[in-house]
């Protein structure tokens, strides 16, 4: 049993690293789709993501949720809102990367946990601990410093962070599994996206059929690029603690930041370093406080957990088949919810993997 548990833990960790690693390295992918513009890329991402997840769900025959969703207008309305918000997030991110703003885009995902907490206070009337207030204050100071450094508000970062946090908030209410959620949202996006592509083709602006088979294949692969990290995240979420996932989430913006500075050669004057340093300080405060709170809660629950071990073993048969990646994603926490530790029990996506770039 212990050996199996360790093996499952390693598998989960590798899947988590794969998921956040792919999200972190995705800035290398979007430039490959040029000369397609950001809007065409976005439309292809919507169309091909639905095609990919529809095939996956057909293979595993997992469609019962769709009928239930259609019979619940309120949840369906929330799915439409989630689809609209993630459209903004995806579109801004693709445009930012292909326009030379990778560093500023990475900032959006660094500050997302802070925005999520702020929204929890303003919208859900949640109460913060003193360290969380300090982290939010430091994050606000960072935005001011970066505004001075850029000579304008870091609107790309703020748009990505607020759209991501809003997406996570809505997704928490919808309560759908990762692949099911992606299928529902891209189904909402599908007709407008397809209509735009047909309009673009009629006006001679569609690159899908004019730039060769390689270019067409890359555009079609946007569905795989969207769904594959989500499947890996789902496989990780049922095998490793949320605290581990919460720490792994920072890999994505770290990779994006390093790519922006070292690979794409984007400028980082001193004032931007100062702003990013403040953001990182806020995240250190936030993560440290969340880890301490998690440990205290674990110690408090220790006796109860010990008493329930036998019951957990007895119920092991009900755990989703770890060999079924679609089941793993469905059983995982909603892919758009931020892992509990850094976001202080708050997703791209939330750390909503769906909302990840």
Protein backbone atom coordinates (compact mmCIF):
# COMPACT_ATOMS: atom_id res chain seq x y z
CA UNK A 1 0.00 0.00 0.00
CA UNK A 2 2.77 2.42 0.93
CA UNK A 3 4.62 1.66 -2.31
CA UNK A 4 1.45 2.19 -4.32
CA UNK A 5 0.79 5.47 -2.51
CA UNK A 6 4.30 6.73 -3.26
CA UNK A 7 3.98 5.69 -6.89
CA UNK A 8 0.64 7.50 -7.18
CA UNK A 9 2.20 10.56 -5.56
CA UNK A 10 5.07 10.56 -8.06
CA UNK A 11 2.64 10.13 -10.94
CA UNK A 12 0.56 13.02 -9.65
CA UNK A 13 3.58 15.24 -9.21
CA UNK A 14 4.80 14.49 -12.74
CA UNK A 15 1.35 15.27 -14.13
CA UNK A 16 1.26 18.52 -12.17
CA UNK A 17 4.68 19.50 -13.46
CA UNK A 18 3.58 18.62 -17.00
CA UNK A 19 0.38 20.69 -16.74
CA UNK A 20 1.94 23.84 -15.32
CA UNK A 21 5.04 23.36 -17.46
CA UNK A 22 2.93 23.33 -20.63
CA UNK A 23 1.03 26.42 -19.49
CA UNK A 24 4.34 28.10 -18.71
CA UNK A 25 5.86 27.31 -22.09
CA UNK A 26 2.79 28.16 -24.18
CA UNK A 27 4.24 31.60 -25.16
CA UNK A 28 6.55 29.64 -27.45
CA UNK A 29 3.52 28.23 -29.31
CA UNK A 30 1.39 31.26 -30.20
CA UNK A 31 4.05 33.00 -32.37
CA UNK A 32 4.23 29.83 -34.50
CA UNK A 33 0.70 30.57 -35.69
CA UNK A 34 1.61 33.82 -37.43
CA UNK A 35 0.68 35.30 -39.87
CA UNK A 36 -2.72 34.49 -38.36
CA UNK A 37 -3.87 37.36 -36.19
CA UNK A 38 -4.83 37.02 -32.54
CA UNK A 39 -8.56 36.96 -33.28
CA UNK A 40 -8.25 34.21 -35.88
CA UNK A 41 -6.07 32.18 -33.50
CA UNK A 42 -8.63 32.67 -30.75
CA UNK A 43 -11.48 31.52 -33.00
CA UNK A 44 -9.55 28.41 -34.03
CA UNK A 45 -8.80 27.67 -30.38
CA UNK A 46 -12.51 27.70 -29.59
CA UNK A 47 -13.53 25.55 -32.55
CA UNK A 48 -10.78 22.94 -32.25
CA UNK A 49 -11.01 22.73 -28.44
CA UNK A 50 -14.65 21.72 -28.75
CA UNK A 51 -13.78 19.15 -31.41
CA UNK A 52 -11.04 17.65 -29.23
CA UNK A 53 -13.06 17.38 -26.02
CA UNK A 54 -16.17 16.18 -27.86
CA UNK A 55 -14.20 13.25 -29.28
CA UNK A 56 -12.72 12.52 -25.85
CA UNK A 57 -16.15 12.55 -24.19
CA UNK A 58 -17.62 10.37 -26.94
CA UNK A 59 -14.85 7.81 -26.44
CA UNK A 60 -15.53 7.53 -22.71
CA UNK A 61 -19.31 7.98 -23.16
CA UNK A 62 -19.52 10.75 -20.59
CA UNK A 63 -22.47 12.90 -21.68
CA UNK A 64 -25.01 12.58 -18.84
CA UNK A 65 -23.93 15.96 -17.41
CA UNK A 66 -25.02 17.75 -20.61
CA UNK A 67 -28.69 16.84 -20.19
CA UNK A 68 -28.62 17.91 -16.55
CA UNK A 69 -27.01 21.22 -17.47
CA UNK A 70 -29.60 21.99 -20.15
CA UNK A 71 -32.37 21.48 -17.59
CA UNK A 72 -30.84 24.08 -15.25
CA UNK A 73 -31.13 27.56 -16.82
CA UNK A 74 -29.23 29.27 -14.00
CA UNK A 75 -26.17 27.03 -14.37
CA UNK A 76 -26.41 27.32 -18.14
CA UNK A 77 -26.41 31.09 -17.82
CA UNK A 78 -23.31 30.91 -15.65
CA UNK A 79 -21.61 28.76 -18.31
CA UNK A 80 -22.35 31.48 -20.88
CA UNK A 81 -20.81 34.09 -18.56
CA UNK A 82 -17.77 31.86 -17.99
CA UNK A 83 -17.38 31.39 -21.75
CA UNK A 84 -17.52 35.15 -22.31
CA UNK A 85 -14.95 35.87 -19.59
CA UNK A 86 -12.53 33.17 -20.74
CA UNK A 87 -12.85 34.49 -24.30
CA UNK A 88 -11.52 37.83 -23.08
CA UNK A 89 -8.74 36.10 -21.14
CA UNK A 90 -7.62 33.90 -24.02
CA UNK A 91 -7.83 36.69 -26.57
CA UNK A 92 -5.84 39.21 -24.53
CA UNK A 93 -3.18 36.63 -23.70
CA UNK A 94 -2.68 35.53 -27.31
CA UNK A 95 -2.52 39.16 -28.45
CA UNK A 96 -0.08 40.04 -25.64
CA UNK A 97 2.32 37.22 -26.46
CA UNK A 98 2.30 37.86 -30.21
CA UNK A 99 2.69 41.61 -29.65
CA UNK A 100 5.79 41.38 -27.44
CA UNK A 101 4.20 41.66 -23.97
CA UNK A 102 5.04 38.25 -22.50
CA UNK A 103 6.43 39.70 -19.26
CA UNK A 104 3.37 41.85 -18.64
CA UNK A 105 1.14 38.85 -19.39
CA UNK A 106 3.05 36.75 -16.85
CA UNK A 107 2.42 39.45 -14.26
CA UNK A 108 -1.32 38.88 -14.68
CA UNK A 109 -0.96 35.31 -13.42
CA UNK A 110 1.38 36.34 -10.61
CA UNK A 111 -1.17 38.80 -9.24
CA UNK A 112 -4.19 36.57 -9.88
CA UNK A 113 -4.25 35.10 -6.33
CA UNK A 114 -4.21 38.63 -4.91
CA UNK A 115 -7.08 39.69 -7.17
CA UNK A 116 -8.99 36.53 -6.24
CA UNK A 117 -8.67 37.39 -2.56
CA UNK A 118 -9.70 41.01 -3.16
CA UNK A 119 -12.79 39.82 -5.04
CA UNK A 120 -13.59 37.44 -2.20
CA UNK A 121 -13.64 40.39 0.20
CA UNK A 122 -15.60 42.74 -2.07
CA UNK A 123 -18.10 40.28 -3.55
CA UNK A 124 -18.33 37.36 -1.13
CA UNK A 125 -17.72 39.48 2.00
CA UNK A 126 -14.96 37.16 3.16
CA UNK A 127 -12.79 38.13 6.13
CA UNK A 128 -9.02 38.24 5.72
CA UNK A 129 -6.27 37.52 8.19
CA UNK A 130 -3.76 40.32 8.86
CA UNK A 131 -1.06 38.75 6.68
CA UNK A 132 -3.53 38.47 3.79
CA UNK A 133 -4.37 42.17 4.13
CA UNK A 134 -0.65 42.93 4.08
CA UNK A 135 -0.18 40.84 0.93
CA UNK A 136 -3.05 42.62 -0.83
CA UNK A 137 -1.60 46.00 0.22
CA UNK A 138 1.85 45.09 -1.11
CA UNK A 139 0.25 43.89 -4.36
CA UNK A 140 -1.58 47.22 -4.73
CA UNK A 141 1.71 49.06 -4.18
CA UNK A 142 3.29 46.89 -6.86
CA UNK A 143 0.62 47.91 -9.38
CA UNK A 144 1.29 51.58 -8.58
CA UNK A 145 5.05 51.12 -9.06
CA UNK A 146 4.50 49.29 -12.36
CA UNK A 147 2.08 51.98 -13.52
CA UNK A 148 4.86 54.52 -13.01
CA UNK A 149 7.38 52.23 -14.68
CA UNK A 150 5.23 51.54 -17.75
CA UNK A 151 3.94 55.09 -17.92
CA UNK A 152 0.42 53.61 -17.92
CA UNK A 153 -1.53 51.08 -15.85
CA UNK A 154 -0.43 47.50 -16.64
CA UNK A 155 -3.77 46.92 -18.33
CA UNK A 156 -2.76 43.60 -19.91
CA UNK A 157 -1.87 42.17 -16.50
CA UNK A 158 -4.96 43.60 -14.84
CA UNK A 159 -7.28 42.34 -17.59
CA UNK A 160 -5.81 38.84 -17.40
CA UNK A 161 -5.91 38.77 -13.59
CA UNK A 162 -9.46 40.11 -13.22
CA UNK A 163 -10.87 37.99 -16.05
CA UNK A 164 -9.15 34.92 -14.59
CA UNK A 165 -10.45 35.63 -11.08
CA UNK A 166 -13.97 36.32 -12.37
CA UNK A 167 -13.86 33.10 -14.36
CA UNK A 168 -12.86 31.19 -11.23
CA UNK A 169 -15.67 32.77 -9.24
CA UNK A 170 -18.27 31.86 -11.86
CA UNK A 171 -16.89 28.34 -12.30
CA UNK A 172 -17.14 27.75 -8.57
CA UNK A 173 -20.90 28.28 -8.90
CA UNK A 174 -21.24 26.08 -12.01
CA UNK A 175 -19.45 23.12 -10.38
CA UNK A 176 -18.59 21.11 -13.49
CA UNK A 177 -15.59 18.86 -14.02
CA UNK A 178 -12.68 20.14 -16.07
CA UNK A 179 -13.31 18.47 -19.43
CA UNK A 180 -17.08 18.84 -19.13
CA UNK A 181 -16.65 22.52 -18.34
CA UNK A 182 -14.37 23.06 -21.32
CA UNK A 183 -16.87 21.26 -23.55
CA UNK A 184 -19.78 23.39 -22.30
CA UNK A 185 -17.91 26.68 -22.64
CA UNK A 186 -16.49 25.96 -26.08
CA UNK A 187 -19.97 24.84 -27.20
CA UNK A 188 -21.13 28.36 -26.33
CA UNK A 189 -18.15 29.84 -28.16
CA UNK A 190 -18.36 27.54 -31.18
CA UNK A 191 -20.97 29.23 -33.39
CA UNK A 192 -19.64 32.79 -33.00
CA UNK A 193 -16.09 31.52 -33.57
CA UNK A 194 -17.06 29.48 -36.63
CA UNK A 195 -19.10 32.39 -37.96
CA UNK A 196 -16.10 34.69 -37.61
CA UNK A 197 -13.84 32.23 -39.43
CA UNK A 198 -16.35 31.91 -42.28
CA UNK A 199 -16.66 35.70 -42.49
CA UNK A 200 -12.87 36.02 -42.53
CA UNK A 201 -12.64 33.43 -45.29
CA UNK A 202 -15.27 35.24 -47.38
CA UNK A 203 -13.22 38.43 -47.13
CA UNK A 204 -9.94 36.71 -48.03
CA UNK A 205 -8.36 37.13 -44.60
CA UNK A 206 -8.35 33.51 -43.39
CA UNK A 207 -4.84 32.04 -43.21
CA UNK A 208 -5.95 28.47 -42.43
CA UNK A 209 -6.20 27.44 -46.08
CA UNK A 210 -3.61 29.79 -47.58
CA UNK A 211 -0.40 29.18 -45.60
CA UNK A 212 0.14 25.48 -46.22
CA UNK A 213 -0.68 22.23 -44.42
CA UNK A 214 1.81 22.87 -41.64
CA UNK A 215 0.14 26.14 -40.70
CA UNK A 216 -3.32 24.53 -40.83
CA UNK A 217 -2.13 21.68 -38.60
CA UNK A 218 -0.73 24.13 -36.06
CA UNK A 219 -4.01 26.04 -35.93
CA UNK A 220 -5.92 22.77 -35.49
CA UNK A 221 -3.56 21.76 -32.67
CA UNK A 222 -4.77 24.70 -30.56
CA UNK A 223 -7.47 22.31 -29.30
CA UNK A 224 -4.85 19.85 -28.09
CA UNK A 225 -2.75 22.63 -26.58
CA UNK A 226 -5.82 23.77 -24.63
CA UNK A 227 -7.07 20.38 -23.44
CA UNK A 228 -3.91 18.33 -22.79
CA UNK A 229 -2.63 20.40 -19.82
CA UNK A 230 -6.12 20.21 -18.34
CA UNK A 231 -6.08 16.41 -18.50
CA UNK A 232 -2.66 16.36 -16.80
CA UNK A 233 -3.95 18.74 -14.13
CA UNK A 234 -6.91 16.47 -13.48
CA UNK A 235 -4.62 13.45 -13.10
CA UNK A 236 -2.49 15.43 -10.63
CA UNK A 237 -5.38 16.86 -8.62
CA UNK A 238 -6.58 13.45 -7.38
CA UNK A 239 -3.08 12.28 -6.44
CA UNK A 240 -1.28 15.15 -4.72
CA UNK A 241 -2.33 17.53 -1.93
CA UNK A 242 -3.90 20.85 -2.87
CA UNK A 243 -1.02 22.56 -1.08
CA UNK A 244 1.37 21.00 -3.61
CA UNK A 245 -0.81 22.07 -6.53
CA UNK A 246 -0.99 25.53 -5.01
CA UNK A 247 2.78 25.84 -5.09
CA UNK A 248 3.11 24.26 -8.54
CA UNK A 249 0.79 26.91 -10.00
CA UNK A 250 3.56 29.49 -9.79
CA UNK A 251 5.65 27.50 -12.27
CA UNK A 252 3.54 28.79 -15.17
CA UNK A 253 4.07 32.56 -14.64
CA UNK A 254 7.70 31.96 -13.64
CA UNK A 255 8.36 30.17 -16.94
CA UNK A 256 6.48 32.87 -18.84
CA UNK A 257 8.46 35.61 -17.12
CA UNK A 258 11.78 33.91 -17.85
CA UNK A 259 10.80 33.37 -21.49
CA UNK A 260 9.84 37.03 -21.81
CA UNK A 261 13.14 38.26 -20.39
CA UNK A 262 15.63 35.64 -21.61
CA UNK A 263 14.13 34.31 -24.85
CA UNK A 264 12.05 37.16 -26.23
CA UNK A 265 14.45 39.79 -24.87
CA UNK A 266 11.81 42.10 -23.41
CA UNK A 267 13.09 45.10 -21.48
CA UNK A 268 13.15 45.06 -17.67
CA UNK A 269 14.18 48.51 -16.41
CA UNK A 270 14.76 48.95 -12.64
CA UNK A 271 11.24 50.19 -11.90
CA UNK A 272 9.74 47.04 -13.41
CA UNK A 273 12.07 44.87 -11.34
CA UNK A 274 10.91 46.81 -8.29
CA UNK A 275 7.26 46.23 -9.17
CA UNK A 276 7.77 42.52 -9.77
CA UNK A 277 9.78 42.23 -6.53
CA UNK A 278 6.81 43.66 -4.62
CA UNK A 279 4.46 41.19 -6.30
CA UNK A 280 6.73 38.30 -5.38
CA UNK A 281 6.93 39.56 -1.79
CA UNK A 282 3.14 39.63 -1.63
CA UNK A 283 2.97 36.06 -2.91
CA UNK A 284 5.55 34.90 -0.36
CA UNK A 285 3.45 36.45 2.43
CA UNK A 286 0.27 34.92 1.04
CA UNK A 287 1.69 31.45 0.51
CA UNK A 288 3.46 31.36 3.88
CA UNK A 289 0.28 32.38 5.69
CA UNK A 290 -1.79 29.81 3.81
CA UNK A 291 0.69 27.02 4.56
CA UNK A 292 0.71 27.88 8.27
CA UNK A 293 -3.08 27.91 8.34
CA UNK A 294 -3.20 24.60 6.49
CA UNK A 295 -0.80 22.97 8.97
CA UNK A 296 -2.78 24.24 11.95
CA UNK A 297 -5.99 22.88 10.42
CA UNK A 298 -4.31 19.54 9.73
CA UNK A 299 -3.13 19.27 13.33
CA UNK A 300 -6.61 20.11 14.58
CA UNK A 301 -8.14 17.43 12.36
CA UNK A 302 -5.43 14.86 13.10
CA UNK A 303 -7.45 12.67 15.51
CA UNK A 304 -10.49 12.67 13.21
CA UNK A 305 -8.38 11.74 10.22
CA UNK A 306 -6.83 8.83 12.12
CA UNK A 307 -10.26 7.53 13.14
CA UNK A 308 -11.50 7.68 9.56
CA UNK A 309 -8.55 5.91 7.88
CA UNK A 310 -10.39 2.58 7.88
CA UNK A 311 -13.42 4.18 6.30
CA UNK A 312 -11.25 5.77 3.62
CA UNK A 313 -9.67 2.43 2.80
CA UNK A 314 -13.10 0.83 2.65
CA UNK A 315 -14.25 3.49 0.23
CA UNK A 316 -11.18 3.28 -1.99
CA UNK A 317 -13.19 1.38 -4.57
CA UNK A 318 -15.17 4.51 -5.27
CA UNK A 319 -12.12 6.53 -6.32
CA UNK A 320 -12.15 7.23 -10.10
CA UNK A 321 -10.02 4.93 -12.21
CA UNK A 322 -6.58 6.53 -12.24
CA UNK A 323 -5.98 5.07 -15.68
CA UNK A 324 -8.87 7.11 -17.11
CA UNK A 325 -7.58 10.67 -17.63
CA UNK A 326 -11.04 12.00 -18.48
CA UNK A 327 -12.45 10.59 -15.24
CA UNK A 328 -9.49 12.06 -13.41
CA UNK A 329 -10.23 15.53 -14.70
CA UNK A 330 -13.92 15.14 -13.93
CA UNK A 331 -13.18 14.03 -10.38
CA UNK A 332 -10.62 16.75 -9.81
CA UNK A 333 -11.53 20.09 -8.33
CA UNK A 334 -13.15 22.31 -10.94
CA UNK A 335 -10.35 23.21 -13.25
CA UNK A 336 -11.01 26.84 -12.84
CA UNK A 337 -10.58 26.99 -9.14
CA UNK A 338 -7.36 28.27 -7.69
CA UNK A 339 -5.57 25.71 -5.58
CA UNK A 340 -6.45 26.44 -2.01
CA UNK A 341 -3.09 27.23 -0.50
CA UNK A 342 -1.81 30.26 -2.39
CA UNK A 343 -5.24 31.68 -3.03
CA UNK A 344 -6.19 31.25 0.58
CA UNK A 345 -8.96 28.79 -0.11
CA UNK A 346 -10.20 30.76 -3.01
CA UNK A 347 -8.74 29.01 -10.36
CA UNK A 348 -6.39 30.33 -16.05
CA UNK A 349 -8.90 28.97 -14.31
CA UNK A 350 -9.47 29.62 -9.58
CA UNK A 351 -6.44 28.67 -10.45
CA UNK A 352 -8.44 27.62 -13.15
CA UNK A 353 -6.38 25.61 -15.40
CA UNK A 354 -8.90 26.25 -18.05
CA UNK A 355 -8.21 29.86 -17.80
CA UNK A 356 -4.56 29.30 -18.08
CA UNK A 357 -3.16 30.70 -21.32
